[in-house]
């Protein structure tokens, strides 16, 4: 009965051994290994002395064999790579854990040289201080390991793509070139290539040139070599292939040798053994190509690497587009800045800073545009008979268009002054001259003719703030308000006059001087400006008067103005 029982137990163990999904094995040692030897020596002896003596078919199939018998006698060194110290970590753990370990991961090779990953539980049989053989079981976790690695790689790739994308969006245009170079390097390193580069078409698509390049340490740059490549020398079917499939891959030197003679010579002369190139196309226009190559070995490019190149290529195209558009925008801004500067110079010519030198009167002005250029005009002309014509005007709006209209107003004013027109006639002339040309602006103005010998002051309003006459400390508002020029069809303008006296001060101002607000949002308004104008009448000079008035305006508004400020003071002697 005992013999039958033992036979039954052995049969059960045999069935378990043969049909277990786990690999079960035993390595015998050609010669026992002393357990008091240094761990490094023991590992080296295990690799050479341990030979597979027992295993089941499940284990054999994990290594690509059909049956256990095909593996018998293999040494441990034939199954475990030793290219790097990490490959032997589990053997060191086995030795240092007193020859007993559980669920320890190992990297090994199958019969075809493919990497395999196993989870091992191992126990060594030690007798008289010597390791004699090793029993173990293992589970194939290669698929799980590959899934984990792929997930880890996908997360890494996602982080890289996010970083590249973010840099292309947030960086200023002048730093985009650096971001493109950085993304090309990332691509090369992610795909473990020797070189990564961009070839761009010339303006007329007649040539291709290497504009960006990254090369791995120890790999020479080819950027200088790949310049002005004639497109007509490259077989058209290569371009068609890229247009159709999106890429071209040459995986070996042999495949490169099968290419057209021009391509073959260009590629092989640089020592390139394999390459992958995708097309760069944006909004229907072919920009160039994004590629990687290998010089150290042949390389079969995978679908994943093609996808990576395409994804990063799309991001680079967006960077190119942004750089181009912002470059165009900057050029527009530069042109606008030039136009504004031209407008500013024009504006300076519209606001007189020098005036006739006369023993009968003195004039000074102050002007501050709301924008770089404005629409205010202060223009004077002294006629041969000694009279002086003055135009104080404000064109609606701001910026270049207002300044250009202001220029036309000044031309019309000076032409009418030369032929002796009265103030009202001069305003009519401005309407006649500008009506066919100006559609979106109106002009508030006051036109004056002053005759120094008689001190006769003729004027005509066109929707402008009133002229103030200060005489003996009192304010006189010159009446005669009217409609702005070009605002209403058929508006009529009239001449009015007043005789000035020695010591009179005549003040012209734009509405921008009183339509200002303090920090609490309170408007200065015309009464407030009137008080300021009256307060400083006893200033020593006309310049001091202007300075003190303007200083009060700045104090009230905190320097924040919503319109042009124009100010003219005429003192009568």
Protein backbone atom coordinates (compact mmCIF):
# COMPACT_ATOMS: atom_id res chain seq x y z
CA UNK A 1 0.00 0.00 0.00
CA UNK A 2 2.82 2.41 0.84
CA UNK A 3 4.48 1.80 -2.53
CA UNK A 4 1.19 2.43 -4.34
CA UNK A 5 0.64 5.62 -2.34
CA UNK A 6 4.09 6.96 -3.14
CA UNK A 7 3.61 6.04 -6.80
CA UNK A 8 0.31 7.97 -6.81
CA UNK A 9 1.95 11.04 -5.25
CA UNK A 10 4.77 10.95 -7.78
CA UNK A 11 2.25 10.76 -10.61
CA UNK A 12 0.46 13.79 -9.20
CA UNK A 13 3.73 15.76 -9.03
CA UNK A 14 4.58 14.62 -12.54
CA UNK A 15 1.20 15.83 -13.87
CA UNK A 16 1.66 19.16 -12.09
CA UNK A 17 5.19 19.50 -13.47
CA UNK A 18 4.19 18.66 -17.04
CA UNK A 19 0.96 20.67 -17.24
CA UNK A 20 1.73 23.68 -15.08
CA UNK A 21 1.37 26.99 -17.00
CA UNK A 22 4.45 28.19 -15.15
CA UNK A 23 7.91 27.23 -16.29
CA UNK A 24 9.52 24.82 -13.84
CA UNK A 25 13.21 24.02 -14.09
CA UNK A 26 16.37 22.85 -12.44
CA UNK A 27 19.96 23.84 -13.23
CA UNK A 28 22.74 21.46 -12.23
CA UNK A 29 26.24 22.80 -11.77
CA UNK A 30 29.18 21.25 -13.62
CA UNK A 31 31.07 21.77 -10.34
CA UNK A 32 29.72 22.99 -6.99
CA UNK A 33 30.25 26.67 -6.10
CA UNK A 34 31.59 27.53 -2.65
CA UNK A 35 29.13 29.82 -0.90
CA UNK A 36 31.90 31.79 0.83
CA UNK A 37 33.23 33.17 -2.46
CA UNK A 38 32.59 36.87 -3.26
CA UNK A 39 29.14 37.42 -4.88
CA UNK A 40 30.70 38.63 -8.13
CA UNK A 41 32.73 35.43 -8.46
CA UNK A 42 29.72 33.27 -7.66
CA UNK A 43 27.65 35.01 -10.37
CA UNK A 44 30.42 34.51 -12.94
CA UNK A 45 30.63 30.80 -12.03
CA UNK A 46 26.84 30.41 -12.20
CA UNK A 47 26.82 31.74 -15.75
CA UNK A 48 29.43 29.24 -16.92
CA UNK A 49 28.74 26.16 -14.74
CA UNK A 50 24.95 26.09 -14.50
CA UNK A 51 23.30 23.90 -17.17
CA UNK A 52 19.63 23.19 -17.62
CA UNK A 53 18.92 19.61 -16.48
CA UNK A 54 15.17 19.60 -15.95
CA UNK A 55 12.30 21.74 -17.29
CA UNK A 56 8.75 21.42 -18.52
CA UNK A 57 7.37 22.25 -21.94
CA UNK A 58 5.81 25.45 -20.60
CA UNK A 59 9.27 26.80 -19.88
CA UNK A 60 10.61 25.64 -23.25
CA UNK A 61 7.82 27.49 -25.07
CA UNK A 62 8.66 30.68 -23.18
CA UNK A 63 12.02 30.62 -24.96
CA UNK A 64 10.63 29.77 -28.38
CA UNK A 65 11.21 26.00 -28.27
CA UNK A 66 8.57 23.37 -28.94
CA UNK A 67 9.58 20.91 -26.23
CA UNK A 68 11.69 20.73 -23.10
CA UNK A 69 14.11 18.29 -24.70
CA UNK A 70 15.31 21.02 -27.08
CA UNK A 71 16.62 23.09 -24.16
CA UNK A 72 18.45 20.46 -22.18
CA UNK A 73 22.10 21.25 -21.54
CA UNK A 74 21.87 25.00 -22.24
CA UNK A 75 24.10 27.07 -20.00
CA UNK A 76 22.76 29.98 -17.99
CA UNK A 77 24.94 32.34 -20.03
CA UNK A 78 23.04 31.31 -23.18
CA UNK A 79 19.77 32.49 -21.68
CA UNK A 80 20.75 35.62 -19.78
CA UNK A 81 22.37 38.58 -21.59
CA UNK A 82 25.25 40.23 -19.82
CA UNK A 83 25.55 43.41 -21.91
CA UNK A 84 24.90 45.60 -18.88
CA UNK A 85 25.20 45.08 -15.10
CA UNK A 86 21.42 45.48 -14.77
CA UNK A 87 20.90 42.21 -16.68
CA UNK A 88 22.61 40.30 -13.84
CA UNK A 89 20.91 42.06 -10.92
CA UNK A 90 18.61 39.11 -10.17
CA UNK A 91 21.60 36.72 -9.97
CA UNK A 92 23.31 38.97 -7.42
CA UNK A 93 20.08 39.07 -5.43
CA UNK A 94 19.90 35.26 -5.55
CA UNK A 95 23.43 34.93 -4.17
CA UNK A 96 23.06 37.63 -1.50
CA UNK A 97 19.63 36.40 -0.32
CA UNK A 98 21.09 33.06 0.75
CA UNK A 99 19.95 31.38 -2.46
CA UNK A 100 16.25 31.92 -1.88
CA UNK A 101 14.19 34.60 -3.60
CA UNK A 102 10.59 35.08 -4.65
CA UNK A 103 8.97 37.05 -7.49
CA UNK A 104 12.17 38.63 -8.75
CA UNK A 105 12.17 40.03 -12.28
CA UNK A 106 14.78 38.94 -14.83
CA UNK A 107 15.57 39.90 -18.41
CA UNK A 108 16.60 36.99 -20.64
CA UNK A 109 16.84 35.98 -24.31
CA UNK A 110 14.76 33.50 -26.27
CA UNK A 111 16.22 31.27 -28.98
CA UNK A 112 15.79 34.06 -31.56
CA UNK A 113 17.61 36.68 -29.51
CA UNK A 114 14.43 38.50 -28.48
CA UNK A 115 14.27 40.01 -25.00
CA UNK A 116 11.98 38.21 -22.56
CA UNK A 117 10.95 39.19 -19.07
CA UNK A 118 10.19 36.65 -16.32
CA UNK A 119 9.04 36.74 -12.71
CA UNK A 120 11.11 34.13 -10.86
CA UNK A 121 10.92 32.23 -7.60
CA UNK A 122 14.22 30.40 -7.02
CA UNK A 123 15.79 28.21 -4.34
CA UNK A 124 19.32 26.83 -4.30
CA UNK A 125 20.33 23.47 -2.89
CA UNK A 126 23.40 23.86 -0.66
CA UNK A 127 25.39 20.94 0.78
CA UNK A 128 28.52 21.17 2.88
CA UNK A 129 28.94 24.88 2.08
CA UNK A 130 28.61 24.40 -1.66
CA UNK A 131 25.80 25.30 -4.06
CA UNK A 132 25.04 22.13 -6.05
CA UNK A 133 21.91 22.87 -8.07
CA UNK A 134 19.11 25.43 -8.38
CA UNK A 135 15.35 24.88 -8.62
CA UNK A 136 12.92 27.49 -9.81
CA UNK A 137 9.64 28.48 -11.39
CA UNK A 138 8.93 31.43 -13.64
CA UNK A 139 6.08 33.30 -15.25
CA UNK A 140 6.37 35.07 -18.59
CA UNK A 141 5.57 38.76 -18.00
CA UNK A 142 6.97 39.99 -21.32
CA UNK A 143 3.58 41.23 -22.59
CA UNK A 144 2.85 42.98 -19.30
CA UNK A 145 6.33 44.49 -19.27
CA UNK A 146 5.97 45.70 -22.86
CA UNK A 147 2.56 47.19 -22.03
CA UNK A 148 4.05 49.01 -19.04
CA UNK A 149 7.00 50.20 -21.09
CA UNK A 150 4.70 51.32 -23.88
CA UNK A 151 2.48 53.18 -21.42
CA UNK A 152 5.52 54.78 -19.80
CA UNK A 153 6.85 55.71 -23.23
CA UNK A 154 3.45 57.10 -24.27
CA UNK A 155 3.31 59.27 -21.15
CA UNK A 156 6.87 60.45 -21.81
CA UNK A 157 6.02 61.18 -25.44
CA UNK A 158 2.86 63.04 -24.42
CA UNK A 159 4.83 65.19 -21.99
CA UNK A 160 7.40 65.96 -24.68
CA UNK A 161 4.73 66.88 -27.23
CA UNK A 162 2.96 69.04 -24.65
CA UNK A 163 6.21 70.82 -23.81
CA UNK A 164 7.00 71.39 -27.49
CA UNK A 165 3.47 72.62 -28.23
CA UNK A 166 3.49 74.95 -25.22
CA UNK A 167 6.82 76.47 -26.24
CA UNK A 168 5.57 77.16 -29.78
CA UNK A 169 2.49 78.91 -28.40
CA UNK A 170 3.96 80.93 -25.54
CA UNK A 171 7.42 81.92 -26.75
CA UNK A 172 7.89 85.30 -28.47
CA UNK A 173 8.59 85.11 -32.23
CA UNK A 174 12.30 85.84 -31.82
CA UNK A 175 12.68 82.67 -29.72
CA UNK A 176 10.78 80.32 -32.06
CA UNK A 177 13.93 79.32 -33.96
CA UNK A 178 15.43 78.02 -30.73
CA UNK A 179 12.21 76.16 -29.93
CA UNK A 180 12.23 74.51 -33.38
CA UNK A 181 15.83 73.39 -32.88
CA UNK A 182 14.96 72.06 -29.44
CA UNK A 183 11.99 70.09 -30.82
CA UNK A 184 14.18 68.58 -33.55
CA UNK A 185 16.68 67.44 -30.93
CA UNK A 186 13.88 65.95 -28.82
CA UNK A 187 12.61 64.07 -31.87
CA UNK A 188 16.04 62.63 -32.59
CA UNK A 189 16.59 61.55 -29.01
CA UNK A 190 13.08 60.10 -28.57
CA UNK A 191 13.53 57.99 -31.71
CA UNK A 192 17.19 57.22 -30.96
CA UNK A 193 18.31 58.58 -34.34
CA UNK A 194 21.78 59.81 -35.27
CA UNK A 195 20.51 62.96 -36.98
CA UNK A 196 17.25 64.90 -37.25
CA UNK A 197 16.78 67.82 -39.64
CA UNK A 198 14.48 69.99 -41.71
CA UNK A 199 14.85 70.63 -45.43
CA UNK A 200 12.99 73.69 -46.73
CA UNK A 201 12.07 74.73 -50.24
CA UNK A 202 13.45 77.94 -51.69
CA UNK A 203 10.98 80.70 -52.54
CA UNK A 204 10.31 79.34 -56.05
CA UNK A 205 10.49 75.66 -54.94
CA UNK A 206 13.53 75.10 -57.16
CA UNK A 207 15.93 74.11 -54.39
CA UNK A 208 15.95 72.33 -51.04
CA UNK A 209 18.26 73.36 -48.19
CA UNK A 210 18.98 71.98 -44.72
CA UNK A 211 17.81 74.85 -42.48
CA UNK A 212 17.69 73.10 -39.08
CA UNK A 213 19.75 70.15 -37.85
CA UNK A 214 20.53 68.16 -34.74
CA UNK A 215 23.17 65.42 -34.63
CA UNK A 216 24.02 63.03 -31.85
CA UNK A 217 27.32 63.35 -30.01
CA UNK A 218 30.10 62.03 -32.25
CA UNK A 219 28.03 62.44 -35.45
CA UNK A 220 29.16 65.11 -37.92
CA UNK A 221 26.88 67.88 -39.17
CA UNK A 222 25.74 67.66 -42.80
CA UNK A 223 23.87 70.97 -42.89
CA UNK A 224 26.55 72.67 -44.98
CA UNK A 225 26.56 69.78 -47.44
CA UNK A 226 22.79 69.68 -47.99
CA UNK A 227 22.32 73.19 -49.38
CA UNK A 228 20.65 74.29 -52.62
CA UNK A 229 19.78 70.75 -53.72
CA UNK A 230 18.16 71.08 -57.18
CA UNK A 231 14.60 69.77 -56.93
CA UNK A 232 14.63 68.82 -60.61
CA UNK A 233 17.40 66.28 -59.93
CA UNK A 234 15.22 64.29 -57.52
CA UNK A 235 12.88 61.72 -59.15
CA UNK A 236 9.30 63.02 -59.19
CA UNK A 237 7.97 59.65 -57.97
CA UNK A 238 9.71 60.26 -54.64
CA UNK A 239 7.70 63.46 -54.15
CA UNK A 240 4.53 61.67 -55.25
CA UNK A 241 5.20 58.91 -52.73
CA UNK A 242 5.42 61.45 -49.92
CA UNK A 243 2.30 63.29 -51.15
CA UNK A 244 0.38 59.99 -51.23
CA UNK A 245 1.63 58.22 -48.10
CA UNK A 246 3.12 61.11 -46.14
CA UNK A 247 6.61 59.63 -45.81
CA UNK A 248 9.52 57.75 -47.39
CA UNK A 249 11.57 55.21 -45.40
CA UNK A 250 14.82 53.66 -46.60
CA UNK A 251 15.69 51.05 -44.00
CA UNK A 252 19.10 49.82 -45.15
CA UNK A 253 22.09 50.59 -47.28
CA UNK A 254 20.80 48.00 -49.73
CA UNK A 255 17.54 49.93 -50.18
CA UNK A 256 19.46 53.19 -50.65
CA UNK A 257 21.60 51.55 -53.35
CA UNK A 258 18.40 50.83 -55.26
CA UNK A 259 17.61 54.55 -55.52
CA UNK A 260 18.19 56.92 -58.43
CA UNK A 261 21.88 57.72 -59.00
CA UNK A 262 21.56 61.32 -57.78
CA UNK A 263 19.92 60.33 -54.49
CA UNK A 264 22.18 57.32 -54.06
CA UNK A 265 25.35 59.38 -54.43
CA UNK A 266 24.06 62.22 -52.23
CA UNK A 267 23.03 59.88 -49.39
CA UNK A 268 25.72 57.18 -49.43
CA UNK A 269 28.57 59.67 -49.81
CA UNK A 270 27.65 60.97 -46.35
CA UNK A 271 27.71 57.47 -44.86
CA UNK A 272 23.95 57.37 -44.24
CA UNK A 273 22.66 53.80 -43.84
CA UNK A 274 18.94 54.43 -43.37
CA UNK A 275 16.57 57.40 -43.30
CA UNK A 276 12.98 58.41 -42.69
CA UNK A 277 11.47 61.56 -44.22
CA UNK A 278 7.97 63.04 -43.96
CA UNK A 279 6.49 65.91 -45.95
CA UNK A 280 5.80 69.30 -44.36
CA UNK A 281 2.68 70.79 -45.90
CA UNK A 282 0.58 73.63 -44.51
CA UNK A 283 -2.62 75.13 -45.89
CA UNK A 284 -2.04 73.44 -49.23
CA UNK A 285 1.54 74.66 -49.61
CA UNK A 286 4.56 72.34 -49.53
CA UNK A 287 7.07 73.77 -47.06
CA UNK A 288 9.74 71.05 -47.13
CA UNK A 289 10.61 67.86 -45.27
CA UNK A 290 11.32 66.65 -41.73
CA UNK A 291 13.70 63.71 -41.49
CA UNK A 292 15.90 61.45 -39.39
CA UNK A 293 18.73 59.16 -40.41
CA UNK A 294 21.20 56.61 -39.11
CA UNK A 295 24.92 56.44 -39.83
CA UNK A 296 25.94 53.74 -37.37
CA UNK A 297 23.59 50.95 -38.48
CA UNK A 298 20.70 49.93 -40.70
CA UNK A 299 17.34 50.78 -39.16
CA UNK A 300 13.81 49.58 -39.80
CA UNK A 301 11.65 52.60 -39.03
CA UNK A 302 8.47 51.73 -37.14
CA UNK A 303 4.94 53.06 -37.56
CA UNK A 304 5.28 54.65 -34.14
CA UNK A 305 8.40 56.56 -35.19
CA UNK A 306 6.67 57.69 -38.37
CA UNK A 307 3.76 58.89 -36.23
CA UNK A 308 6.07 60.76 -33.84
CA UNK A 309 7.82 62.47 -36.73
CA UNK A 310 4.44 63.47 -38.15
CA UNK A 311 3.10 64.81 -34.84
CA UNK A 312 6.15 66.93 -34.11
CA UNK A 313 6.30 67.96 -37.78
CA UNK A 314 2.75 69.34 -37.47
CA UNK A 315 3.76 71.33 -34.38
CA UNK A 316 6.80 72.72 -36.21
CA UNK A 317 4.55 73.77 -39.10
CA UNK A 318 2.40 75.71 -36.65
CA UNK A 319 5.54 77.39 -35.31
CA UNK A 320 6.62 78.29 -38.86
CA UNK A 321 3.18 79.71 -39.57
CA UNK A 322 3.16 81.74 -36.36
CA UNK A 323 6.66 83.01 -37.03
CA UNK A 324 5.71 84.03 -40.57
CA UNK A 325 2.46 85.70 -39.56
CA UNK A 326 3.99 87.52 -36.61
CA UNK A 327 6.92 88.49 -38.80
CA UNK A 328 4.43 89.93 -41.30
CA UNK A 329 2.61 91.59 -38.40
CA UNK A 330 5.88 93.04 -37.09
CA UNK A 331 6.66 94.33 -40.57
CA UNK A 332 3.20 95.90 -40.59
CA UNK A 333 3.86 97.41 -37.17
CA UNK A 334 7.22 98.71 -38.38
CA UNK A 335 5.51 100.25 -41.38
CA UNK A 336 2.80 101.68 -39.15
CA UNK A 337 5.45 103.05 -36.80
CA UNK A 338 7.11 104.69 -39.81
CA UNK A 339 3.77 106.10 -40.93
CA UNK A 340 3.06 107.35 -37.41
CA UNK A 341 6.47 108.98 -37.27
CA UNK A 342 5.80 110.55 -40.65
CA UNK A 343 2.41 111.65 -39.33
CA UNK A 344 4.06 113.06 -36.20
CA UNK A 345 6.46 115.09 -38.33
CA UNK A 346 3.51 116.21 -40.43
CA UNK A 347 1.66 117.14 -37.25
CA UNK A 348 4.60 119.25 -36.10
CA UNK A 349 4.37 121.19 -39.32
CA UNK A 350 0.63 121.75 -38.71
CA UNK A 351 1.18 123.34 -35.29
CA UNK A 352 3.24 126.49 -35.67
CA UNK A 353 6.05 126.89 -33.16
CA UNK A 354 7.52 130.11 -34.58
CA UNK A 355 5.50 133.25 -35.22
CA UNK A 356 5.93 136.63 -36.88
CA UNK A 357 8.26 138.93 -34.98
CA UNK A 358 6.25 142.08 -34.32
CA UNK A 359 6.33 145.09 -32.03
CA UNK A 360 2.52 145.00 -32.00
CA UNK A 361 1.88 141.50 -30.60
CA UNK A 362 3.38 138.25 -29.31
CA UNK A 363 2.11 134.66 -29.92
CA UNK A 364 3.02 131.34 -28.27
CA UNK A 365 1.48 127.85 -28.43
CA UNK A 366 1.39 124.53 -26.61
CA UNK A 367 0.40 121.25 -28.25
CA UNK A 368 0.18 117.69 -26.91
CA UNK A 369 -1.36 114.95 -29.12
CA UNK A 370 -3.54 112.29 -27.49
CA UNK A 371 -1.92 109.63 -29.72
CA UNK A 372 1.40 109.77 -31.52
CA UNK A 373 -0.29 112.04 -34.06
CA UNK A 374 -3.47 114.03 -33.66
CA UNK A 375 -5.91 116.15 -35.61
CA UNK A 376 -5.36 119.60 -34.12
CA UNK A 377 -4.12 122.50 -36.23
CA UNK A 378 -2.53 125.80 -35.23
CA UNK A 379 -1.37 127.66 -38.31
CA UNK A 380 -0.48 131.30 -38.94
CA UNK A 381 0.57 133.32 -41.94
CA UNK A 382 1.72 136.96 -42.06
CA UNK A 383 0.55 138.79 -45.14
CA UNK A 384 2.38 141.54 -47.05
CA UNK A 385 0.06 144.21 -45.67
CA UNK A 386 1.15 143.27 -42.13
CA UNK A 387 -2.06 141.46 -41.22
CA UNK A 388 -1.88 138.00 -39.68
CA UNK A 389 -4.21 135.09 -40.51
CA UNK A 390 -4.70 132.44 -37.80
CA UNK A 391 -6.39 129.04 -38.08
CA UNK A 392 -7.11 127.16 -34.86
CA UNK A 393 -8.85 123.87 -35.74
CA UNK A 394 -9.54 120.33 -34.56
CA UNK A 395 -10.23 117.46 -36.98
CA UNK A 396 -12.45 114.75 -35.50
CA UNK A 397 -10.77 111.48 -34.53
CA UNK A 398 -7.12 110.70 -33.91
CA UNK A 399 -4.21 109.07 -35.65
CA UNK A 400 -2.91 109.14 -39.19
CA UNK A 401 -6.20 109.82 -41.02
CA UNK A 402 -6.95 112.84 -38.83
CA UNK A 403 -3.42 114.15 -39.34
CA UNK A 404 -3.76 113.78 -43.11
CA UNK A 405 -7.06 115.69 -43.12
CA UNK A 406 -5.38 118.33 -40.94
CA UNK A 407 -2.72 118.69 -43.60
CA UNK A 408 -5.36 119.35 -46.25
CA UNK A 409 -7.00 121.92 -43.97
CA UNK A 410 -3.71 123.81 -43.59
CA UNK A 411 -3.09 123.82 -47.35
CA UNK A 412 -6.57 125.20 -47.98
CA UNK A 413 -6.09 127.81 -45.23
CA UNK A 414 -2.79 129.07 -46.60
CA UNK A 415 -4.09 129.27 -50.16
CA UNK A 416 -7.15 131.26 -49.06
CA UNK A 417 -5.02 133.57 -46.86
CA UNK A 418 -2.74 134.42 -49.78
CA UNK A 419 -5.66 135.64 -51.88
CA UNK A 420 -7.00 137.81 -49.05
CA UNK A 421 -10.19 135.94 -48.14
CA UNK A 422 -11.95 136.95 -44.94
CA UNK A 423 -12.23 134.45 -42.03
CA UNK A 424 -15.76 133.33 -43.04
CA UNK A 425 -14.80 133.09 -46.72
CA UNK A 426 -11.76 131.05 -45.72
CA UNK A 427 -13.96 128.57 -43.83
CA UNK A 428 -16.21 128.22 -46.88
CA UNK A 429 -13.11 127.56 -48.99
CA UNK A 430 -12.03 124.71 -46.65
CA UNK A 431 -15.46 123.09 -47.10
CA UNK A 432 -15.25 123.44 -50.90
CA UNK A 433 -11.71 122.05 -51.05
CA UNK A 434 -12.22 119.07 -48.71
CA UNK A 435 -15.83 118.03 -49.33
CA UNK A 436 -15.02 115.77 -52.34
CA UNK A 437 -12.13 114.14 -50.45
CA UNK A 438 -13.18 113.78 -46.80
CA UNK A 439 -16.11 111.51 -45.94
CA UNK A 440 -15.68 110.46 -42.30
CA UNK A 441 -14.38 113.56 -40.55
CA UNK A 442 -15.73 116.94 -39.51
CA UNK A 443 -13.72 119.97 -38.43
CA UNK A 444 -14.31 122.42 -35.60
CA UNK A 445 -12.39 125.62 -36.22
CA UNK A 446 -12.02 129.31 -35.66
CA UNK A 447 -10.51 131.50 -38.36
CA UNK A 448 -8.97 134.89 -37.47
CA UNK A 449 -7.51 137.86 -39.30
CA UNK A 450 -5.70 140.34 -37.06
CA UNK A 451 -4.64 143.76 -38.36
CA UNK A 452 -1.93 145.05 -35.96
CA UNK A 453 -1.93 148.68 -37.13
CA UNK A 454 -5.60 149.16 -36.26
CA UNK A 455 -5.78 146.32 -33.73
CA UNK A 456 -8.81 145.06 -35.60
CA UNK A 457 -9.59 141.41 -34.77
CA UNK A 458 -11.87 139.64 -37.29
CA UNK A 459 -13.02 136.10 -36.61
CA UNK A 460 -15.45 133.40 -37.68
CA UNK A 461 -16.47 130.31 -35.69
CA UNK A 462 -17.18 126.81 -37.02
CA UNK A 463 -18.18 124.74 -33.99
CA UNK A 464 -15.05 125.55 -31.98
CA UNK A 465 -14.83 126.36 -28.24
CA UNK A 466 -15.07 130.11 -27.56
CA UNK A 467 -12.17 132.53 -27.76
CA UNK A 468 -11.47 134.25 -24.44
CA UNK A 469 -10.33 137.87 -24.33
CA UNK A 470 -8.81 138.94 -21.02
CA UNK A 471 -8.82 142.73 -20.53
CA UNK A 472 -7.83 144.41 -17.29
CA UNK A 473 -8.23 141.12 -15.44
CA UNK A 474 -11.71 140.51 -16.76
CA UNK A 475 -12.81 137.79 -19.16
CA UNK A 476 -14.74 138.55 -22.33
CA UNK A 477 -16.11 135.57 -24.29
CA UNK A 478 -16.19 136.32 -28.02
CA UNK A 479 -19.61 135.16 -29.16
CA UNK A 480 -20.71 133.76 -32.48
CA UNK A 481 -20.79 129.94 -32.10
CA UNK A 482 -21.58 127.97 -35.29
CA UNK A 483 -21.65 124.47 -36.84
CA UNK A 484 -18.48 122.45 -37.57
CA UNK A 485 -17.14 122.26 -41.11
CA UNK A 486 -18.27 119.25 -43.21
CA UNK A 487 -20.79 118.24 -40.53
CA UNK A 488 -23.96 119.71 -42.09
CA UNK A 489 -24.83 120.49 -45.68
CA UNK A 490 -25.41 124.19 -46.37
CA UNK A 491 -24.03 125.59 -43.10
CA UNK A 492 -23.38 129.34 -43.21
CA UNK A 493 -20.42 131.14 -41.62
CA UNK A 494 -20.18 134.82 -40.67
CA UNK A 495 -17.44 137.35 -39.98
CA UNK A 496 -17.43 139.14 -36.65
CA UNK A 497 -14.98 141.64 -35.24
CA UNK A 498 -13.71 143.40 -32.14
CA UNK A 499 -11.12 146.11 -31.59
CA UNK A 500 -8.32 145.04 -29.29
CA UNK A 501 -6.39 147.24 -26.86
CA UNK A 502 -2.86 147.41 -25.56
CA UNK A 503 -2.46 144.79 -22.78
CA UNK A 504 -5.22 142.50 -24.04
CA UNK A 505 -4.62 138.75 -23.95
CA UNK A 506 -6.50 136.51 -26.41
CA UNK A 507 -6.66 132.78 -25.58
CA UNK A 508 -7.58 129.93 -27.95
CA UNK A 509 -7.98 126.38 -26.58
CA UNK A 510 -9.22 122.98 -27.73
CA UNK A 511 -11.94 121.00 -25.95
CA UNK A 512 -9.23 118.52 -24.89
CA UNK A 513 -8.13 121.09 -22.28
CA UNK A 514 -11.37 120.92 -20.28
CA UNK A 515 -12.75 117.44 -21.10
CA UNK A 516 -10.41 115.86 -18.55
CA UNK A 517 -11.11 113.91 -15.35
CA UNK A 518 -9.52 113.69 -11.93
CA UNK A 519 -8.86 110.46 -10.01
CA UNK A 520 -12.46 110.35 -8.71
CA UNK A 521 -13.95 110.69 -12.19
CA UNK A 522 -14.93 114.36 -11.87
CA UNK A 523 -14.71 116.36 -15.09
CA UNK A 524 -12.86 119.69 -15.12
CA UNK A 525 -15.26 121.13 -17.73
CA UNK A 526 -15.20 124.65 -19.18
CA UNK A 527 -15.81 126.55 -15.90
CA UNK A 528 -12.89 124.71 -14.29
CA UNK A 529 -10.57 125.57 -17.18
CA UNK A 530 -11.79 129.17 -17.10
CA UNK A 531 -10.75 129.45 -13.45
CA UNK A 532 -7.27 128.12 -14.24
CA UNK A 533 -6.88 130.53 -17.19
CA UNK A 534 -7.88 133.47 -14.97
CA UNK A 535 -5.68 132.43 -12.03
CA UNK A 536 -2.35 132.90 -13.78
CA UNK A 537 -2.99 136.07 -15.78
CA UNK A 538 -0.37 137.90 -13.72
CA UNK A 539 2.42 135.48 -14.74
CA UNK A 540 5.63 137.31 -15.65
CA UNK A 541 5.80 136.12 -19.26
CA UNK A 542 3.55 134.49 -21.82
CA UNK A 543 5.70 131.33 -21.52
CA UNK A 544 5.21 131.25 -17.74
CA UNK A 545 1.48 131.66 -18.22
CA UNK A 546 1.30 128.66 -20.57
CA UNK A 547 3.54 126.54 -18.30
CA UNK A 548 1.44 127.22 -15.19
CA UNK A 549 -1.87 126.53 -16.95
CA UNK A 550 -0.60 123.26 -18.45
CA UNK A 551 0.93 122.23 -15.10
CA UNK A 552 -2.49 122.59 -13.43
CA UNK A 553 -4.09 120.46 -16.15
CA UNK A 554 -1.54 117.70 -15.53
CA UNK A 555 -2.08 117.90 -11.78
CA UNK A 556 -5.84 117.62 -12.18
CA UNK A 557 -5.80 114.70 -14.64
CA UNK A 558 -2.72 112.87 -13.38
CA UNK A 559 -1.35 113.14 -16.91
CA UNK A 560 -4.26 111.17 -18.38
CA UNK A 561 -5.82 112.99 -21.32
CA UNK A 562 -8.55 111.73 -23.62
CA UNK A 563 -7.94 114.14 -26.49
CA UNK A 564 -5.37 116.40 -28.11
CA UNK A 565 -4.46 119.53 -26.17
CA UNK A 566 -3.96 122.69 -28.22
CA UNK A 567 -3.40 126.12 -26.66
CA UNK A 568 -2.58 129.49 -28.28
CA UNK A 569 -2.04 132.77 -26.47
CA UNK A 570 -1.91 136.15 -28.27
CA UNK A 571 -0.70 139.19 -26.30
CA UNK A 572 -1.36 142.65 -27.72
CA UNK A 573 1.22 145.43 -27.31
